[in-house]
Protein backbone atom coordinates (compact mmCIF):
# COMPACT_ATOMS: atom_id res chain seq x y z
CA MET A 1 0.00 0.00 0.00
CA ASP A 2 2.86 2.38 0.86
CA TYR A 3 4.48 1.56 -2.48
CA GLN A 4 1.27 2.47 -4.33
CA LYS A 5 1.06 5.78 -2.46
CA GLN A 6 4.68 6.54 -3.33
CA LEU A 7 4.01 5.91 -7.02
CA LYS A 8 1.00 8.26 -6.93
CA ARG A 9 3.06 10.96 -5.18
CA GLU A 10 5.78 10.67 -7.83
CA ALA A 11 3.19 10.89 -10.62
CA ARG A 12 1.64 13.97 -8.99
CA LYS A 13 5.06 15.60 -8.78
CA GLU A 14 5.81 14.86 -12.45
CA ILE A 15 2.46 16.30 -13.54
CA ASP A 16 3.02 19.45 -11.47
CA GLU A 17 6.43 19.91 -13.09
CA ILE A 18 4.92 19.55 -16.57
CA LYS A 19 2.15 22.04 -15.81
CA SER A 20 4.70 24.59 -14.65
CA SER A 21 7.15 24.22 -17.53
CA ALA A 22 5.40 22.77 -20.62
CA LYS A 23 4.74 24.99 -23.63
CA PHE A 24 2.12 24.77 -26.34
CA GLY A 25 2.93 21.97 -28.78
CA ASP A 26 5.21 20.02 -26.44
CA LEU A 27 4.84 16.24 -26.64
CA ILE A 28 3.86 14.55 -23.39
CA GLU A 29 4.91 10.93 -22.97
CA PHE A 30 3.17 8.61 -20.51
CA CYS A 31 5.62 5.74 -20.25
CA TYR A 32 3.82 2.61 -18.99
CA PRO A 33 5.58 0.01 -16.82
CA ILE A 34 5.20 -2.61 -19.61
CA GLY A 35 7.33 -0.50 -21.96
CA TYR A 36 4.55 1.01 -24.06
CA SER A 37 3.99 4.79 -24.16
CA HIS A 38 0.86 6.84 -24.58
CA TRP A 39 1.33 10.28 -26.16
CA ALA A 40 -0.45 13.62 -25.94
CA VAL A 41 0.09 17.20 -27.12
CA TYR A 42 0.28 19.90 -24.45
CA GLU A 43 -2.07 22.80 -25.10
CA LYS A 44 -2.25 25.19 -22.14
CA ASP A 45 -3.43 25.59 -18.54
CA GLY A 46 -2.59 21.99 -17.67
CA HIS A 47 -4.63 20.55 -20.56
CA VAL A 48 -3.51 18.05 -23.17
CA ILE A 49 -5.10 16.78 -26.40
CA HIS A 50 -4.80 13.10 -27.16
CA PHE A 51 -6.36 9.89 -28.51
CA ALA A 52 -9.08 8.98 -26.00
CA VAL A 53 -11.97 6.55 -25.75
CA ALA A 54 -14.73 7.44 -28.22
CA ASP A 55 -18.42 7.54 -27.33
CA GLU A 56 -19.48 3.90 -27.14
CA ASN A 57 -22.51 1.71 -26.43
CA LYS A 58 -22.90 -0.43 -23.32
CA LEU A 59 -21.64 -3.61 -25.02
CA MET A 60 -18.42 -2.03 -26.26
CA SER A 61 -17.92 -0.33 -22.90
CA SER A 62 -18.31 -3.68 -21.13
CA VAL A 63 -15.81 -5.36 -23.48
CA ARG A 64 -13.27 -2.58 -22.98
CA THR A 65 -13.76 -2.62 -19.20
CA TYR A 66 -13.18 -6.39 -19.17
CA LEU A 67 -10.00 -6.05 -21.25
CA GLN A 68 -8.66 -3.28 -19.02
CA SER A 69 -9.27 -5.41 -15.93
CA ALA A 70 -7.49 -8.34 -17.63
CA PHE A 71 -4.60 -6.10 -18.69
CA PRO A 72 -4.39 -3.50 -15.86
CA MET A 73 -1.03 -2.16 -17.06
CA SER A 74 -2.44 -1.09 -20.43
CA GLY A 75 -4.40 2.05 -19.45
CA ASP A 76 -7.28 2.85 -21.81
CA ILE A 77 -7.69 0.18 -24.48
CA LEU A 78 -9.02 1.70 -27.69
CA LEU A 79 -11.37 -0.58 -29.60
CA GLY A 80 -12.61 0.23 -33.08
CA GLN A 81 -12.81 4.00 -32.73
CA THR A 82 -10.96 6.74 -30.91
CA LYS A 83 -11.91 10.36 -30.32
CA ILE A 84 -9.41 13.19 -30.08
CA ARG A 85 -10.25 14.95 -26.81
CA ARG A 86 -8.97 17.84 -24.72
CA MET A 87 -8.72 17.19 -20.99
CA PRO A 88 -6.67 18.02 -17.88
CA ILE A 89 -3.43 16.05 -17.91
CA GLU A 90 -4.21 14.42 -14.56
CA GLU A 91 -7.43 12.95 -16.00
CA VAL A 92 -5.66 10.94 -18.70
CA ASN A 93 -6.24 7.31 -17.73
CA VAL A 94 -2.86 5.62 -17.30
CA PRO A 95 -1.83 2.66 -15.11
CA THR A 96 -0.23 3.12 -11.72
CA GLY A 97 3.52 3.47 -12.09
CA ALA A 98 3.44 5.29 -15.44
CA ARG A 99 6.11 7.98 -15.75
CA VAL A 100 5.05 11.29 -17.26
CA SER A 101 7.48 13.67 -18.97
CA ILE A 102 7.95 16.19 -21.77
CA ASP A 103 9.64 14.42 -24.68
CA ASN A 104 10.42 16.46 -27.78
CA ASN A 105 13.59 14.53 -28.58
CA SER A 106 12.38 11.06 -29.57
CA HIS A 107 11.52 12.13 -33.12
CA LYS A 108 14.27 13.73 -35.19
CA PHE A 109 12.24 16.33 -37.06
CA PRO A 110 12.13 20.13 -36.79
CA PRO A 111 8.95 21.34 -35.09
CA SER A 112 6.31 23.19 -37.10
CA SER A 113 5.30 26.76 -36.33
CA LYS A 114 2.78 27.32 -33.53
CA LYS A 115 0.32 28.58 -36.15
CA ASP A 116 0.51 25.29 -38.07
CA MET A 117 0.26 23.22 -34.89
CA ARG A 118 -2.81 25.19 -33.78
CA LYS A 119 -4.39 24.75 -37.22
CA ARG A 120 -3.96 20.97 -37.03
CA LEU A 121 -5.30 20.78 -33.49
CA ASN A 122 -8.36 22.89 -34.31
CA LEU A 123 -9.05 20.68 -37.31
CA LEU A 124 -8.73 17.39 -35.40
CA LEU A 125 -10.22 18.18 -31.98
CA ASN A 126 -13.29 16.00 -31.27
CA VAL A 127 -12.87 14.11 -34.55
CA VAL A 128 -13.50 10.34 -34.39
CA PHE A 129 -11.03 8.02 -36.17
CA THR A 130 -10.91 4.29 -36.71
CA TYR A 131 -8.10 3.17 -34.42
CA ASP A 132 -5.28 1.22 -36.03
CA LEU A 133 -2.24 0.22 -34.00
CA PHE A 134 0.00 0.27 -37.06
CA SER A 135 -1.13 3.40 -38.92
CA CYS A 136 -3.45 5.49 -36.74
CA ASN A 137 -2.47 5.55 -33.07
CA CYS A 138 -1.70 8.18 -30.43
CA GLU A 139 1.92 8.64 -31.53
CA HIS A 140 0.89 9.17 -35.16
CA PHE A 141 -1.45 11.92 -33.96
CA VAL A 142 1.03 13.86 -31.81
CA THR A 143 3.87 13.69 -34.35
CA PHE A 144 1.55 14.92 -37.08
CA VAL A 145 0.50 17.88 -34.94
CA ARG A 146 4.04 18.86 -33.95
CA TYR A 147 6.03 17.95 -37.08
CA GLY A 148 3.46 17.59 -39.86
CA ARG A 149 4.52 13.95 -40.24
CA ALA A 150 2.63 11.02 -38.70
CA VAL A 151 5.23 8.52 -37.48
CA CYS A 152 5.40 5.94 -34.73
CA ASN A 153 8.73 4.73 -33.34
CA GLN A 154 7.00 2.14 -31.15
CA VAL A 155 5.53 0.19 -34.07
CA SER A 156 8.98 -0.12 -35.65
CA ASN A 157 10.34 -1.52 -32.38
CA GLN A 158 10.36 -5.34 -32.64
CA TYR A 159 10.57 -5.75 -28.87
CA PHE A 160 7.47 -3.61 -28.43
CA LEU A 161 5.50 -5.68 -30.94
CA LEU A 162 6.63 -8.94 -29.31
CA LEU A 163 5.56 -7.59 -25.92
CA LEU A 164 2.08 -6.64 -27.13
CA MET A 165 1.49 -9.62 -29.41
CA PRO A 166 -0.77 -11.58 -26.98
CA LEU A 167 -2.98 -8.50 -26.53
CA ILE A 168 -3.00 -7.77 -30.28
CA VAL A 169 -4.04 -11.33 -31.14
CA PHE A 170 -6.79 -11.30 -28.51
CA ILE A 171 -8.24 -8.00 -29.71
CA PHE A 172 -8.12 -9.09 -33.36
CA HIS A 173 -10.54 -11.86 -32.40
CA LEU A 174 -12.97 -9.21 -31.12
CA ILE A 175 -12.75 -6.40 -33.62
CA ARG A 176 -11.10 -5.56 -36.93
CA LEU A 177 -8.32 -3.03 -36.37
CA LYS A 178 -7.01 -2.62 -39.91
CA SER A 179 -7.80 0.78 -41.41
CA ARG A 180 -7.98 1.64 -45.10
CA HIS A 181 -7.41 5.28 -44.21
CA PRO A 182 -4.01 5.81 -42.52
CA PHE A 183 -3.92 8.83 -40.22
CA ASN A 184 -1.41 10.84 -42.23
CA ARG A 185 -3.31 10.49 -45.54
CA THR A 186 -6.72 11.10 -43.96
CA VAL A 187 -5.67 14.31 -42.22
CA GLN A 188 -3.74 15.61 -45.22
CA GLU A 189 -6.93 15.23 -47.28
CA MET A 190 -8.85 17.19 -44.63
CA LEU A 191 -6.24 19.96 -44.56
CA GLY A 192 -6.07 20.05 -48.34
CA SER A 193 -9.79 20.79 -48.54
CA ILE A 194 -9.41 24.09 -46.62
CA PRO A 195 -9.14 27.10 -49.00
CA GLU A 196 -6.06 29.26 -48.47
CA ASP A 197 -8.17 32.39 -47.81
CA LEU A 198 -10.31 30.69 -45.13
CA SER A 199 -9.35 30.12 -41.49
CA THR A 200 -9.73 26.66 -39.97
CA ARG A 201 -12.51 27.91 -37.68
CA ALA A 202 -14.41 29.47 -40.59
CA TRP A 203 -13.97 26.31 -42.66
CA LEU A 204 -15.31 24.15 -39.83
CA ALA A 205 -18.34 26.43 -39.41
CA THR A 206 -19.02 26.39 -43.16
CA THR A 207 -18.64 22.61 -43.39
CA TRP A 208 -20.87 22.09 -40.36
CA LYS A 209 -23.60 24.29 -41.87
CA ARG A 210 -23.38 22.52 -45.24
CA GLU A 211 -23.75 19.09 -43.64
CA TRP A 212 -26.65 20.34 -41.51
CA GLU A 213 -28.46 21.67 -44.56
CA SER A 214 -27.87 18.49 -46.56
CA ALA A 215 -28.97 16.18 -43.72
CA LYS A 216 -32.43 14.61 -43.62
CA SER A 217 -34.89 17.20 -42.37
CA THR A 218 -36.04 16.76 -38.77
CA ARG A 219 -38.12 18.74 -36.30
CA MET A 220 -34.93 20.54 -35.20
CA HIS A 221 -34.44 22.00 -38.69
CA ARG A 222 -37.46 24.20 -38.00
CA TYR A 223 -35.61 25.94 -35.19
CA ILE A 224 -31.99 25.78 -36.35
CA GLN A 225 -31.09 27.17 -39.77
CA ASP A 226 -27.40 27.67 -39.02
CA PRO A 227 -25.92 25.40 -36.29
CA GLY A 228 -23.21 28.00 -35.64
CA ASP A 229 -25.70 30.66 -34.57
CA GLY A 230 -26.93 28.90 -31.45
CA VAL A 231 -30.55 28.21 -30.54
CA GLU A 232 -33.08 30.74 -29.34
CA GLY A 233 -33.66 30.37 -25.61
CA GLU A 234 -30.28 28.79 -24.79
CA HIS A 235 -29.68 31.40 -22.06
CA LEU A 236 -32.87 30.52 -20.17
CA PRO A 237 -32.67 28.79 -16.77
CA ARG A 238 -31.98 25.08 -17.20
CA ARG A 239 -35.51 24.03 -16.13
CA HIS A 240 -37.15 26.25 -18.75
CA TRP A 241 -34.53 25.42 -21.39
CA THR A 242 -35.10 21.68 -20.91
CA LEU A 243 -38.89 22.02 -21.14
CA LEU A 244 -38.57 24.15 -24.28
CA ASN A 245 -36.40 21.52 -25.96
CA HIS A 246 -38.83 18.75 -25.02
CA LEU A 247 -41.52 20.69 -26.84
CA ARG A 248 -39.31 21.43 -29.84
CA THR A 249 -38.09 17.86 -30.34
CA GLY A 250 -41.34 16.15 -29.40
CA VAL A 251 -39.41 13.88 -27.06
CA GLY A 252 -40.36 13.92 -23.40
CA ARG A 253 -42.98 12.71 -20.98
CA PHE A 254 -45.73 13.15 -23.54
CA LYS A 255 -48.34 10.47 -24.08
CA SER A 256 -47.09 9.90 -27.64
CA SER A 257 -43.55 9.24 -26.37
CA MET A 258 -44.76 7.17 -23.42
CA LYS A 259 -46.86 5.03 -25.79
CA GLU A 260 -43.85 4.52 -28.08
CA TRP A 261 -41.70 3.47 -25.12
CA GLY A 262 -44.35 1.03 -23.90
CA LEU A 263 -45.09 3.05 -20.77
CA ALA A 264 -48.63 4.10 -21.69
CA ASP A 265 -51.59 2.36 -23.30
CA SER A 266 -52.64 5.33 -25.41
CA ALA A 267 -51.02 8.32 -27.12
CA ALA A 268 -54.05 10.52 -26.46
CA CYS A 269 -54.28 13.12 -23.74
CA GLU A 270 -57.33 13.53 -21.49
CA CYS A 271 -59.11 15.56 -24.17
CA GLY A 272 -58.85 12.67 -26.61
CA LYS A 273 -56.42 14.31 -29.03
CA PRO A 274 -52.86 13.06 -29.63
CA GLU A 275 -50.45 14.50 -27.09
C-alpha cells in the first residue's frame, strides 16, 4: 500500500512539473511500466489533447472494461474507434507506475510553427477516427500535430510488438483493427480541402452548416437554420430550457412518447387528441 502511495506521489510531482514548464505543442509521454507509451500534445493551462476513448454503447464499454481489468497495465484500451479529446493532464487514464514527462527529442524532425500546430489541433479536436495500432495511433497523432509527419517509433520496435502480441491477437478476435485510411493520408486530405483564404474555424463552421443543410430534415431543422448561430432560448434557466427543448423535439414525458416506449396504453391526452 505504501508503495502504491509513493508511485502516486511521484506521478503527482511529475504532472506538477509539466504544468509549470510545458509549452504549447510540447509532446507529453506517458511511459507505462510494460514499456509502451501513450502520447499527448500539451495545449495550455494543464490541458492536453490526445487519442481517447470514443463515445461507445454499453456492449463495447463492457468489453473494454473487461480487457482493461485483464490487462491492468495497459491504461485505456481503444477498440474500433478513438476520439481526439482535450482534458486536464491528470485525467488521462494511465496505469499506476506510469512515468510522465515532456519528450520532444524522440523524433528527429524540426517542429512546425505554432500557427501550423494550432491549425492541425483545431481541425482534429473532437474528430473520431478508426483506431489502427499500425497506422493510426496516439503517436501518429502527436507527431503529425508537432512535425506535420505522422510517425510511430514504437511500431517499428520489434521488442514492443513482441511484448504486445498476446494483446494484439486477442483484440483481433474481437474487432477488426485494420484501417484503409491511414492517419497521415486522412488528415492531409482534410487539410487540403481548406481554401487558403479561409481560417480553420471558418472552414469548420461552413462545413458544419453545409452538412446540416444536406442532412435529412427533422423537427430541429425548424428551429436551427445555421448550427453555428446557437438556438433561441439557450440562455434561459436550465428548467425552462429543458422544457422548451422537449416541446421542440417532441421527445419527453408526452403520451405519444410514453406510448412509443411502452409506458402508456394510449397516445391521447385527457381531451382525446394526440399528445
